[in-house]
Amino acid sequence: MSLLTLLAGISAAGLLIYLIAALLFPEDFS
């Protein structure tokens, strides 16, 4: 597993968490 693959996985997971948080708490992302 290369560093680039690991970085892409971390960024994808972070983006997914951000999107879920924005859906659950829309008032925090106004």
N, C-alpha and C. Protein backbone atom coordinates (compact mmCIF):
# COMPACT_ATOMS: atom_id res chain seq x y z
N MET A 1 0.86 -1.20 0.00
CA MET A 1 0.00 0.00 0.00
C MET A 1 0.89 1.25 0.00
N SER A 2 0.72 2.05 -1.02
CA SER A 2 1.57 3.23 -1.16
C SER A 2 1.06 4.40 -0.34
N LEU A 3 1.90 5.38 -0.16
CA LEU A 3 1.54 6.57 0.61
C LEU A 3 0.43 7.34 -0.07
N LEU A 4 0.45 7.36 -1.41
CA LEU A 4 -0.57 8.09 -2.16
C LEU A 4 -1.95 7.46 -1.98
N THR A 5 -1.99 6.13 -1.97
CA THR A 5 -3.26 5.42 -1.76
C THR A 5 -3.78 5.68 -0.36
N LEU A 6 -2.88 5.68 0.62
CA LEU A 6 -3.26 5.94 2.00
C LEU A 6 -3.80 7.35 2.15
N LEU A 7 -3.13 8.31 1.52
CA LEU A 7 -3.55 9.71 1.58
C LEU A 7 -4.92 9.90 0.93
N ALA A 8 -5.14 9.22 -0.20
CA ALA A 8 -6.42 9.31 -0.89
C ALA A 8 -7.54 8.71 -0.04
N GLY A 9 -7.25 7.61 0.63
CA GLY A 9 -8.24 6.97 1.50
C GLY A 9 -8.60 7.85 2.68
N ILE A 10 -7.61 8.48 3.28
CA ILE A 10 -7.85 9.37 4.42
C ILE A 10 -8.66 10.59 4.00
N SER A 11 -8.31 11.17 2.86
CA SER A 11 -9.04 12.36 2.40
C SER A 11 -10.47 12.01 2.01
N ALA A 12 -10.68 10.84 1.42
CA ALA A 12 -12.03 10.40 1.05
C ALA A 12 -12.87 10.17 2.30
N ALA A 13 -12.28 9.55 3.32
CA ALA A 13 -12.99 9.31 4.57
C ALA A 13 -13.32 10.63 5.26
N GLY A 14 -12.38 11.56 5.24
CA GLY A 14 -12.60 12.88 5.85
C GLY A 14 -13.70 13.64 5.15
N LEU A 15 -13.75 13.55 3.82
CA LEU A 15 -14.79 14.22 3.06
C LEU A 15 -16.16 13.60 3.35
N LEU A 16 -16.20 12.28 3.49
CA LEU A 16 -17.45 11.59 3.79
C LEU A 16 -17.96 11.98 5.17
N ILE A 17 -17.06 12.06 6.15
CA ILE A 17 -17.43 12.48 7.50
C ILE A 17 -17.93 13.92 7.50
N TYR A 18 -17.27 14.78 6.71
CA TYR A 18 -17.69 16.18 6.61
C TYR A 18 -19.09 16.30 6.02
N LEU A 19 -19.37 15.52 4.97
CA LEU A 19 -20.68 15.56 4.34
C LEU A 19 -21.78 15.07 5.27
N ILE A 20 -21.50 13.99 6.02
CA ILE A 20 -22.47 13.47 6.98
C ILE A 20 -22.72 14.48 8.09
N ALA A 21 -21.66 15.12 8.58
CA ALA A 21 -21.81 16.13 9.62
C ALA A 21 -22.62 17.33 9.11
N ALA A 22 -22.40 17.71 7.86
CA ALA A 22 -23.14 18.83 7.27
C ALA A 22 -24.62 18.49 7.13
N LEU A 23 -24.93 17.22 6.87
CA LEU A 23 -26.32 16.80 6.76
C LEU A 23 -26.99 16.73 8.13
N LEU A 24 -26.24 16.27 9.14
CA LEU A 24 -26.81 16.12 10.48
C LEU A 24 -26.93 17.45 11.20
N PHE A 25 -25.95 18.33 10.99
CA PHE A 25 -25.94 19.61 11.69
C PHE A 25 -25.82 20.77 10.71
N PRO A 26 -26.86 21.05 9.92
CA PRO A 26 -26.77 22.09 8.88
C PRO A 26 -26.57 23.49 9.45
N GLU A 27 -26.99 23.72 10.69
CA GLU A 27 -26.85 25.06 11.27
C GLU A 27 -25.38 25.40 11.56
N ASP A 28 -24.53 24.36 11.66
CA ASP A 28 -23.12 24.61 11.92
C ASP A 28 -22.35 24.93 10.64
N PHE A 29 -22.98 24.69 9.48
CA PHE A 29 -22.28 24.87 8.21
C PHE A 29 -22.94 25.93 7.34
N SER A 30 -23.55 26.89 7.99
CA SER A 30 -24.26 27.93 7.25
C SER A 30 -23.27 28.89 6.56
